[in-house]
Amino acid sequence: MADSITDKPDIISVNVKPKNWLHKKLIRFGVAPSQKQYELRRLLVGNAYRISKAVLSIPDEAIQQGLRMGLKEAHTLLVDHLDKLIYIVGVALTNTRQEPSKTLLEKIRWEFNDEELLTIAILVLKKSQTQSFSHTIILMRGLDIVSPSKVSPMDQGEIIAPGR
């Protein structure tokens, strides 16, 4: 099967925060890596469901108000929904049947900065392909696959090849 553009993983680099002075020296001299790379692949259906459920649990008015708020209100909004955002990123990075590990969630909380978290969250929304999923649902709602078709091929001729 040929690879499509959407099947190729996005590589996300996150700066490693030194755990202690020795780790800091090892990073400085190139012995320890200064960046950790994660692969973000197209989400599995089950994980897209988990992510959409978490996103929908954030009230729309909170998101809209967050765009117009001052620093104090925006900080409160971030604190109220930070766990959900961390969970969303954790699900996307693992992208397996299992829930993200507590270790990964703690790593996201304490080692990712706000820019890295936002970048990954935007990529997650792109990878979730919610628009194509919703188009599928809309198309299937009008489709009756149980009963035989009531339209004959002769009736479809005008629709399929207009312009005669």
N, C-alpha and C. Protein backbone atom coordinates (compact mmCIF):
# COMPACT_ATOMS: atom_id res chain seq x y z
N MET A 1 0.84 -1.16 0.00
CA MET A 1 0.00 0.00 0.00
C MET A 1 0.89 1.24 0.00
N ALA A 2 0.57 2.19 -0.84
CA ALA A 2 1.38 3.38 -0.97
C ALA A 2 1.19 4.31 0.22
N ASP A 3 2.27 4.94 0.62
CA ASP A 3 2.19 5.93 1.71
C ASP A 3 1.57 7.21 1.17
N SER A 4 0.68 7.75 1.93
CA SER A 4 0.15 9.06 1.58
C SER A 4 0.78 10.08 2.51
N ILE A 5 0.56 11.34 2.21
CA ILE A 5 1.17 12.40 3.02
C ILE A 5 0.67 12.34 4.46
N THR A 6 -0.60 12.01 4.63
CA THR A 6 -1.15 12.01 5.99
C THR A 6 -0.67 10.83 6.82
N ASP A 7 -0.15 9.78 6.17
CA ASP A 7 0.32 8.62 6.92
C ASP A 7 1.74 8.80 7.44
N LYS A 8 2.46 9.77 6.93
CA LYS A 8 3.82 10.00 7.39
C LYS A 8 3.76 10.71 8.74
N PRO A 9 4.57 10.25 9.69
CA PRO A 9 4.51 10.87 11.02
C PRO A 9 5.14 12.25 11.04
N ASP A 10 4.61 13.10 11.89
CA ASP A 10 5.24 14.38 12.17
C ASP A 10 6.22 14.15 13.31
N ILE A 11 7.44 14.64 13.15
CA ILE A 11 8.46 14.52 14.19
C ILE A 11 8.43 15.79 15.03
N ILE A 12 8.24 15.61 16.32
CA ILE A 12 8.16 16.74 17.25
C ILE A 12 9.37 16.68 18.16
N SER A 13 10.12 17.76 18.20
CA SER A 13 11.28 17.83 19.08
C SER A 13 10.96 18.69 20.29
N VAL A 14 11.26 18.14 21.46
CA VAL A 14 11.02 18.84 22.72
C VAL A 14 12.36 18.95 23.44
N ASN A 15 12.68 20.14 23.91
CA ASN A 15 13.93 20.34 24.65
C ASN A 15 13.90 19.55 25.95
N VAL A 16 14.99 18.88 26.24
CA VAL A 16 15.11 18.10 27.48
C VAL A 16 15.50 19.05 28.60
N LYS A 17 14.75 18.97 29.67
CA LYS A 17 15.07 19.77 30.86
C LYS A 17 15.98 18.93 31.76
N PRO A 18 17.16 19.45 32.13
CA PRO A 18 18.07 18.67 32.97
C PRO A 18 17.47 18.35 34.33
N LYS A 19 17.68 17.13 34.76
CA LYS A 19 17.13 16.67 36.04
C LYS A 19 17.98 17.12 37.23
N ASN A 20 19.28 17.29 36.99
CA ASN A 20 20.19 17.73 38.06
C ASN A 20 21.43 18.35 37.41
N TRP A 21 22.41 18.74 38.21
CA TRP A 21 23.59 19.42 37.68
C TRP A 21 24.42 18.49 36.80
N LEU A 22 24.49 17.20 37.14
CA LEU A 22 25.26 16.26 36.34
C LEU A 22 24.61 16.07 34.96
N HIS A 23 23.30 15.94 34.95
CA HIS A 23 22.58 15.80 33.68
C HIS A 23 22.77 17.05 32.81
N LYS A 24 22.80 18.21 33.46
CA LYS A 24 23.03 19.46 32.74
C LYS A 24 24.41 19.47 32.07
N LYS A 25 25.42 18.99 32.79
CA LYS A 25 26.79 18.92 32.23
C LYS A 25 26.85 17.92 31.09
N LEU A 26 26.17 16.78 31.24
CA LEU A 26 26.16 15.77 30.17
C LEU A 26 25.49 16.30 28.90
N ILE A 27 24.45 17.09 29.07
CA ILE A 27 23.79 17.70 27.91
C ILE A 27 24.72 18.72 27.27
N ARG A 28 25.38 19.53 28.10
CA ARG A 28 26.27 20.57 27.58
C ARG A 28 27.41 19.98 26.76
N PHE A 29 27.97 18.85 27.20
CA PHE A 29 29.09 18.25 26.49
C PHE A 29 28.65 17.26 25.41
N GLY A 30 27.36 17.13 25.19
CA GLY A 30 26.86 16.30 24.10
C GLY A 30 26.80 14.82 24.41
N VAL A 31 26.97 14.44 25.65
CA VAL A 31 26.90 13.03 26.03
C VAL A 31 25.44 12.60 26.14
N ALA A 32 24.62 13.45 26.71
CA ALA A 32 23.18 13.20 26.81
C ALA A 32 22.48 14.05 25.76
N PRO A 33 21.37 13.56 25.22
CA PRO A 33 20.66 14.34 24.19
C PRO A 33 20.03 15.60 24.77
N SER A 34 20.04 16.66 23.96
CA SER A 34 19.44 17.91 24.41
C SER A 34 17.98 18.01 23.98
N GLN A 35 17.56 17.12 23.08
CA GLN A 35 16.17 17.11 22.63
C GLN A 35 15.64 15.69 22.59
N LYS A 36 14.35 15.56 22.89
CA LYS A 36 13.64 14.29 22.79
C LYS A 36 12.70 14.42 21.60
N GLN A 37 12.67 13.39 20.77
CA GLN A 37 11.80 13.42 19.60
C GLN A 37 10.65 12.45 19.76
N TYR A 38 9.47 12.91 19.37
CA TYR A 38 8.27 12.10 19.40
C TYR A 38 7.71 12.04 17.99
N GLU A 39 7.12 10.89 17.65
CA GLU A 39 6.43 10.75 16.37
C GLU A 39 4.94 10.89 16.60
N LEU A 40 4.34 11.75 15.81
CA LEU A 40 2.90 11.93 15.88
C LEU A 40 2.30 11.41 14.58
N ARG A 41 1.66 10.25 14.67
CA ARG A 41 1.06 9.60 13.51
C ARG A 41 -0.43 9.90 13.45
N ARG A 42 -1.04 9.54 12.30
CA ARG A 42 -2.48 9.71 12.19
C ARG A 42 -3.14 8.91 13.30
N LEU A 43 -4.13 9.52 13.93
CA LEU A 43 -4.75 8.90 15.09
C LEU A 43 -5.60 7.71 14.71
N LEU A 44 -5.56 6.69 15.56
CA LEU A 44 -6.47 5.57 15.41
C LEU A 44 -7.87 6.03 15.78
N VAL A 45 -8.88 5.35 15.28
CA VAL A 45 -10.26 5.77 15.50
C VAL A 45 -10.59 5.86 16.99
N GLY A 46 -10.16 4.87 17.76
CA GLY A 46 -10.43 4.89 19.20
C GLY A 46 -9.80 6.08 19.89
N ASN A 47 -8.59 6.45 19.48
CA ASN A 47 -7.92 7.60 20.09
C ASN A 47 -8.53 8.92 19.62
N ALA A 48 -9.00 8.96 18.37
CA ALA A 48 -9.71 10.16 17.90
C ALA A 48 -10.97 10.36 18.72
N TYR A 49 -11.63 9.26 19.08
CA TYR A 49 -12.82 9.34 19.93
C TYR A 49 -12.46 9.87 21.32
N ARG A 50 -11.37 9.34 21.90
CA ARG A 50 -10.94 9.81 23.23
C ARG A 50 -10.63 11.30 23.21
N ILE A 51 -9.93 11.72 22.17
CA ILE A 51 -9.53 13.13 22.08
C ILE A 51 -10.75 14.02 21.87
N SER A 52 -11.65 13.61 20.97
CA SER A 52 -12.83 14.45 20.73
C SER A 52 -13.69 14.54 21.98
N LYS A 53 -13.77 13.46 22.74
CA LYS A 53 -14.53 13.47 23.98
C LYS A 53 -13.92 14.46 24.98
N ALA A 54 -12.60 14.47 25.07
CA ALA A 54 -11.92 15.41 25.98
C ALA A 54 -12.08 16.84 25.51
N VAL A 55 -11.99 17.08 24.19
CA VAL A 55 -12.14 18.43 23.67
C VAL A 55 -13.56 18.93 23.90
N LEU A 56 -14.54 18.07 23.71
CA LEU A 56 -15.93 18.47 23.89
C LEU A 56 -16.28 18.73 25.36
N SER A 57 -15.46 18.22 26.28
CA SER A 57 -15.72 18.47 27.69
C SER A 57 -15.31 19.88 28.12
N ILE A 58 -14.58 20.59 27.25
CA ILE A 58 -14.23 21.98 27.52
C ILE A 58 -15.37 22.83 26.96
N PRO A 59 -16.03 23.61 27.80
CA PRO A 59 -17.17 24.38 27.33
C PRO A 59 -16.79 25.38 26.23
N ASP A 60 -17.68 25.52 25.23
CA ASP A 60 -17.44 26.46 24.13
C ASP A 60 -17.28 27.89 24.64
N GLU A 61 -18.12 28.27 25.60
CA GLU A 61 -18.05 29.64 26.11
C GLU A 61 -16.71 29.89 26.80
N ALA A 62 -16.12 28.85 27.40
CA ALA A 62 -14.82 29.02 28.04
C ALA A 62 -13.75 29.32 27.00
N ILE A 63 -13.84 28.63 25.87
CA ILE A 63 -12.86 28.86 24.79
C ILE A 63 -13.05 30.26 24.22
N GLN A 64 -14.30 30.65 23.95
CA GLN A 64 -14.58 31.97 23.39
C GLN A 64 -14.17 33.08 24.36
N GLN A 65 -14.47 32.90 25.65
CA GLN A 65 -14.09 33.90 26.64
C GLN A 65 -12.57 33.96 26.80
N GLY A 66 -11.92 32.83 26.64
CA GLY A 66 -10.47 32.78 26.77
C GLY A 66 -9.76 33.64 25.74
N LEU A 67 -10.39 33.82 24.59
CA LEU A 67 -9.79 34.64 23.55
C LEU A 67 -9.90 36.13 23.87
N ARG A 68 -10.85 36.51 24.73
CA ARG A 68 -11.09 37.92 25.04
C ARG A 68 -10.67 38.30 26.46
N MET A 69 -10.14 37.36 27.22
CA MET A 69 -9.85 37.60 28.63
C MET A 69 -8.51 38.28 28.84
N GLY A 70 -8.39 38.83 30.04
CA GLY A 70 -7.11 39.36 30.48
C GLY A 70 -6.22 38.22 30.97
N LEU A 71 -5.06 38.58 31.44
CA LEU A 71 -4.07 37.58 31.87
C LEU A 71 -4.59 36.72 33.02
N LYS A 72 -5.21 37.32 34.01
CA LYS A 72 -5.67 36.57 35.18
C LYS A 72 -6.76 35.57 34.80
N GLU A 73 -7.73 35.99 34.00
CA GLU A 73 -8.82 35.10 33.60
C GLU A 73 -8.30 33.99 32.68
N ALA A 74 -7.38 34.35 31.76
CA ALA A 74 -6.81 33.35 30.85
C ALA A 74 -6.02 32.30 31.63
N HIS A 75 -5.30 32.75 32.66
CA HIS A 75 -4.55 31.81 33.50
C HIS A 75 -5.50 30.86 34.22
N THR A 76 -6.60 31.39 34.73
CA THR A 76 -7.60 30.55 35.40
C THR A 76 -8.18 29.52 34.44
N LEU A 77 -8.47 29.95 33.22
CA LEU A 77 -8.98 29.03 32.20
C LEU A 77 -7.97 27.94 31.89
N LEU A 78 -6.70 28.32 31.78
CA LEU A 78 -5.65 27.35 31.50
C LEU A 78 -5.53 26.32 32.63
N VAL A 79 -5.56 26.81 33.85
CA VAL A 79 -5.46 25.91 35.01
C VAL A 79 -6.65 24.95 35.05
N ASP A 80 -7.84 25.46 34.75
CA ASP A 80 -9.04 24.62 34.80
C ASP A 80 -9.02 23.49 33.77
N HIS A 81 -8.38 23.72 32.63
CA HIS A 81 -8.44 22.73 31.54
C HIS A 81 -7.08 22.17 31.14
N LEU A 82 -6.04 22.47 31.91
CA LEU A 82 -4.70 21.99 31.57
C LEU A 82 -4.62 20.47 31.59
N ASP A 83 -5.26 19.83 32.55
CA ASP A 83 -5.22 18.37 32.63
C ASP A 83 -5.81 17.72 31.37
N LYS A 84 -6.88 18.33 30.85
CA LYS A 84 -7.49 17.79 29.62
C LYS A 84 -6.55 17.94 28.44
N LEU A 85 -5.88 19.10 28.34
CA LEU A 85 -4.94 19.33 27.26
C LEU A 85 -3.76 18.37 27.35
N ILE A 86 -3.25 18.15 28.54
CA ILE A 86 -2.14 17.20 28.73
C ILE A 86 -2.60 15.80 28.35
N TYR A 87 -3.81 15.42 28.73
CA TYR A 87 -4.35 14.11 28.38
C TYR A 87 -4.46 13.96 26.85
N ILE A 88 -4.96 14.99 26.19
CA ILE A 88 -5.11 14.95 24.73
C ILE A 88 -3.76 14.73 24.06
N VAL A 89 -2.75 15.46 24.49
CA VAL A 89 -1.41 15.31 23.92
C VAL A 89 -0.84 13.93 24.24
N GLY A 90 -1.07 13.44 25.46
CA GLY A 90 -0.59 12.11 25.84
C GLY A 90 -1.23 11.01 25.00
N VAL A 91 -2.52 11.10 24.76
CA VAL A 91 -3.21 10.10 23.92
C VAL A 91 -2.64 10.13 22.51
N ALA A 92 -2.42 11.32 21.99
CA ALA A 92 -1.90 11.43 20.62
C ALA A 92 -0.48 10.90 20.50
N LEU A 93 0.35 11.14 21.50
CA LEU A 93 1.73 10.67 21.42
C LEU A 93 1.84 9.16 21.55
N THR A 94 1.00 8.54 22.38
CA THR A 94 1.06 7.09 22.51
C THR A 94 0.32 6.44 21.35
N ASN A 95 -0.88 6.90 21.03
CA ASN A 95 -1.69 6.42 19.91
C ASN A 95 -1.79 4.89 19.90
N THR A 96 -2.06 4.32 21.05
CA THR A 96 -2.27 2.87 21.17
C THR A 96 -3.59 2.65 21.90
N ARG A 97 -3.92 1.39 22.08
CA ARG A 97 -5.16 1.04 22.78
C ARG A 97 -5.10 1.43 24.25
N GLN A 98 -3.91 1.40 24.83
CA GLN A 98 -3.75 1.72 26.25
C GLN A 98 -3.86 3.23 26.47
N GLU A 99 -4.28 3.57 27.67
CA GLU A 99 -4.28 4.98 28.08
C GLU A 99 -2.83 5.44 28.19
N PRO A 100 -2.58 6.75 28.06
CA PRO A 100 -1.20 7.23 28.23
C PRO A 100 -0.72 6.96 29.66
N SER A 101 0.54 6.62 29.79
CA SER A 101 1.08 6.30 31.11
C SER A 101 1.16 7.54 31.98
N LYS A 102 1.13 7.32 33.29
CA LYS A 102 1.26 8.44 34.23
C LYS A 102 2.62 9.11 34.07
N THR A 103 3.63 8.32 33.73
CA THR A 103 4.96 8.87 33.52
C THR A 103 4.97 9.84 32.35
N LEU A 104 4.33 9.46 31.24
CA LEU A 104 4.26 10.35 30.08
C LEU A 104 3.48 11.62 30.41
N LEU A 105 2.36 11.48 31.11
CA LEU A 105 1.57 12.65 31.46
C LEU A 105 2.35 13.60 32.37
N GLU A 106 3.12 13.04 33.30
CA GLU A 106 3.96 13.88 34.17
C GLU A 106 5.08 14.54 33.37
N LYS A 107 5.64 13.81 32.41
CA LYS A 107 6.69 14.38 31.56
C LYS A 107 6.14 15.55 30.75
N ILE A 108 4.94 15.38 30.21
CA ILE A 108 4.31 16.48 29.45
C ILE A 108 4.08 17.68 30.36
N ARG A 109 3.60 17.41 31.56
CA ARG A 109 3.29 18.51 32.49
C ARG A 109 4.55 19.28 32.89
N TRP A 110 5.65 18.59 33.16
CA TRP A 110 6.81 19.26 33.74
C TRP A 110 7.96 19.51 32.78
N GLU A 111 7.94 18.92 31.58
CA GLU A 111 9.06 19.12 30.66
C GLU A 111 8.68 19.85 29.38
N PHE A 112 7.41 19.96 29.06
CA PHE A 112 6.99 20.68 27.86
C PHE A 112 6.72 22.13 28.25
N ASN A 113 7.15 23.06 27.38
CA ASN A 113 6.77 24.45 27.63
C ASN A 113 5.45 24.73 26.91
N ASP A 114 4.91 25.92 27.11
CA ASP A 114 3.60 26.24 26.54
C ASP A 114 3.61 26.21 25.01
N GLU A 115 4.69 26.63 24.38
CA GLU A 115 4.77 26.62 22.92
C GLU A 115 4.77 25.19 22.38
N GLU A 116 5.54 24.32 23.02
CA GLU A 116 5.58 22.92 22.59
C GLU A 116 4.22 22.25 22.75
N LEU A 117 3.57 22.52 23.87
CA LEU A 117 2.26 21.95 24.14
C LEU A 117 1.24 22.43 23.11
N LEU A 118 1.26 23.72 22.79
CA LEU A 118 0.33 24.28 21.81
C LEU A 118 0.61 23.73 20.42
N THR A 119 1.86 23.62 20.04
CA THR A 119 2.22 23.08 18.72
C THR A 119 1.71 21.65 18.56
N ILE A 120 1.91 20.84 19.58
CA ILE A 120 1.46 19.46 19.52
C ILE A 120 -0.06 19.40 19.50
N ALA A 121 -0.72 20.24 20.29
CA ALA A 121 -2.18 20.25 20.31
C ALA A 121 -2.75 20.60 18.94
N ILE A 122 -2.16 21.57 18.25
CA ILE A 122 -2.62 21.94 16.91
C ILE A 122 -2.40 20.79 15.94
N LEU A 123 -1.25 20.14 16.02
CA LEU A 123 -1.00 18.98 15.15
C LEU A 123 -1.97 17.85 15.44
N VAL A 124 -2.31 17.66 16.69
CA VAL A 124 -3.26 16.61 17.07
C VAL A 124 -4.60 16.87 16.41
N LEU A 125 -5.05 18.12 16.45
CA LEU A 125 -6.33 18.45 15.83
C LEU A 125 -6.29 18.22 14.32
N LYS A 126 -5.14 18.50 13.70
CA LYS A 126 -5.01 18.22 12.26
C LYS A 126 -5.01 16.72 11.99
N LYS A 127 -4.31 15.97 12.83
CA LYS A 127 -4.21 14.53 12.64
C LYS A 127 -5.50 13.80 12.95
N SER A 128 -6.36 14.40 13.77
CA SER A 128 -7.60 13.72 14.14
C SER A 128 -8.57 13.66 12.98
N GLN A 129 -8.40 14.52 12.01
CA GLN A 129 -9.23 14.53 10.80
C GLN A 129 -10.71 14.48 11.15
N THR A 130 -11.12 15.34 12.05
CA THR A 130 -12.52 15.37 12.46
C THR A 130 -13.44 15.77 11.33
N GLN A 131 -12.94 16.58 10.39
CA GLN A 131 -13.79 17.01 9.29
C GLN A 131 -14.15 15.82 8.40
N SER A 132 -13.18 14.98 8.05
CA SER A 132 -13.49 13.83 7.20
C SER A 132 -14.38 12.84 7.96
N PHE A 133 -14.17 12.72 9.27
CA PHE A 133 -15.01 11.83 10.08
C PHE A 133 -16.45 12.34 10.09
N SER A 134 -16.63 13.64 10.28
CA SER A 134 -17.99 14.19 10.32
C SER A 134 -18.65 14.10 8.95
N HIS A 135 -17.88 14.25 7.88
CA HIS A 135 -18.44 14.08 6.53
C HIS A 135 -18.93 12.65 6.34
N THR A 136 -18.19 11.69 6.84
CA THR A 136 -18.60 10.29 6.74
C THR A 136 -19.91 10.06 7.47
N ILE A 137 -20.03 10.61 8.68
CA ILE A 137 -21.26 10.46 9.46
C ILE A 137 -22.43 11.09 8.72
N ILE A 138 -22.23 12.29 8.19
CA ILE A 138 -23.30 12.98 7.47
C ILE A 138 -23.74 12.16 6.26
N LEU A 139 -22.79 11.63 5.52
CA LEU A 139 -23.14 10.84 4.34
C LEU A 139 -23.86 9.55 4.73
N MET A 140 -23.42 8.91 5.81
CA MET A 140 -24.01 7.64 6.21
C MET A 140 -25.41 7.81 6.81
N ARG A 141 -25.69 8.96 7.40
CA ARG A 141 -27.01 9.18 7.99
C ARG A 141 -28.09 9.15 6.92
N GLY A 142 -27.79 9.61 5.73
CA GLY A 142 -28.77 9.62 4.65
C GLY A 142 -28.74 8.36 3.82
N LEU A 143 -27.87 7.44 4.13
CA LEU A 143 -27.71 6.23 3.34
C LEU A 143 -28.46 5.07 3.98
N ASP A 144 -29.32 4.43 3.21
CA ASP A 144 -30.07 3.27 3.69
C ASP A 144 -29.45 2.04 3.06
N ILE A 145 -28.64 1.30 3.81
CA ILE A 145 -27.94 0.15 3.24
C ILE A 145 -28.68 -1.16 3.47
N VAL A 146 -29.78 -1.13 4.23
CA VAL A 146 -30.51 -2.36 4.52
C VAL A 146 -31.52 -2.66 3.43
N SER A 147 -32.31 -1.68 3.04
CA SER A 147 -33.35 -1.92 2.04
C SER A 147 -32.77 -1.79 0.63
N PRO A 148 -33.33 -2.55 -0.33
CA PRO A 148 -32.82 -2.46 -1.71
C PRO A 148 -33.09 -1.09 -2.30
N SER A 149 -32.28 -0.73 -3.25
CA SER A 149 -32.38 0.58 -3.88
C SER A 149 -33.69 0.72 -4.63
N LYS A 150 -34.33 1.88 -4.50
CA LYS A 150 -35.58 2.13 -5.18
C LYS A 150 -35.37 2.93 -6.45
N VAL A 151 -34.15 3.31 -6.72
CA VAL A 151 -33.83 4.09 -7.91
C VAL A 151 -33.24 3.16 -8.95
N SER A 152 -33.79 3.20 -10.14
CA SER A 152 -33.26 2.35 -11.20
C SER A 152 -32.07 3.02 -11.86
N PRO A 153 -31.21 2.26 -12.51
CA PRO A 153 -30.06 2.85 -13.19
C PRO A 153 -30.48 3.84 -14.28
N MET A 154 -31.65 3.66 -14.86
CA MET A 154 -32.12 4.58 -15.90
C MET A 154 -32.42 5.95 -15.31
N ASP A 155 -32.92 5.99 -14.07
CA ASP A 155 -33.22 7.27 -13.44
C ASP A 155 -31.94 8.03 -13.09
N GLN A 156 -30.87 7.31 -12.81
CA GLN A 156 -29.62 7.94 -12.44
C GLN A 156 -28.87 8.49 -13.64
N GLY A 157 -29.21 8.07 -14.85
CA GLY A 157 -28.49 8.50 -16.04
C GLY A 157 -28.48 10.00 -16.19
N GLU A 158 -29.57 10.66 -15.91
CA GLU A 158 -29.63 12.11 -16.02
C GLU A 158 -28.74 12.79 -14.99
N ILE A 159 -28.65 12.19 -13.81
CA ILE A 159 -27.87 12.81 -12.74
C ILE A 159 -26.39 12.59 -12.96
N ILE A 160 -26.02 11.40 -13.38
CA ILE A 160 -24.61 11.07 -13.53
C ILE A 160 -23.98 11.82 -14.71
N ALA A 161 -24.70 11.88 -15.81
CA ALA A 161 -24.13 12.51 -17.01
C ALA A 161 -24.99 13.65 -17.49
N PRO A 162 -25.01 14.76 -16.76
CA PRO A 162 -25.82 15.89 -17.21
C PRO A 162 -25.16 16.58 -18.39
N GLY A 163 -25.90 17.36 -19.07
CA GLY A 163 -25.32 18.13 -20.16
C GLY A 163 -25.65 17.57 -21.54
N ARG A 164 -26.53 16.61 -21.65
CA ARG A 164 -26.91 16.10 -22.96
C ARG A 164 -27.85 17.04 -23.62
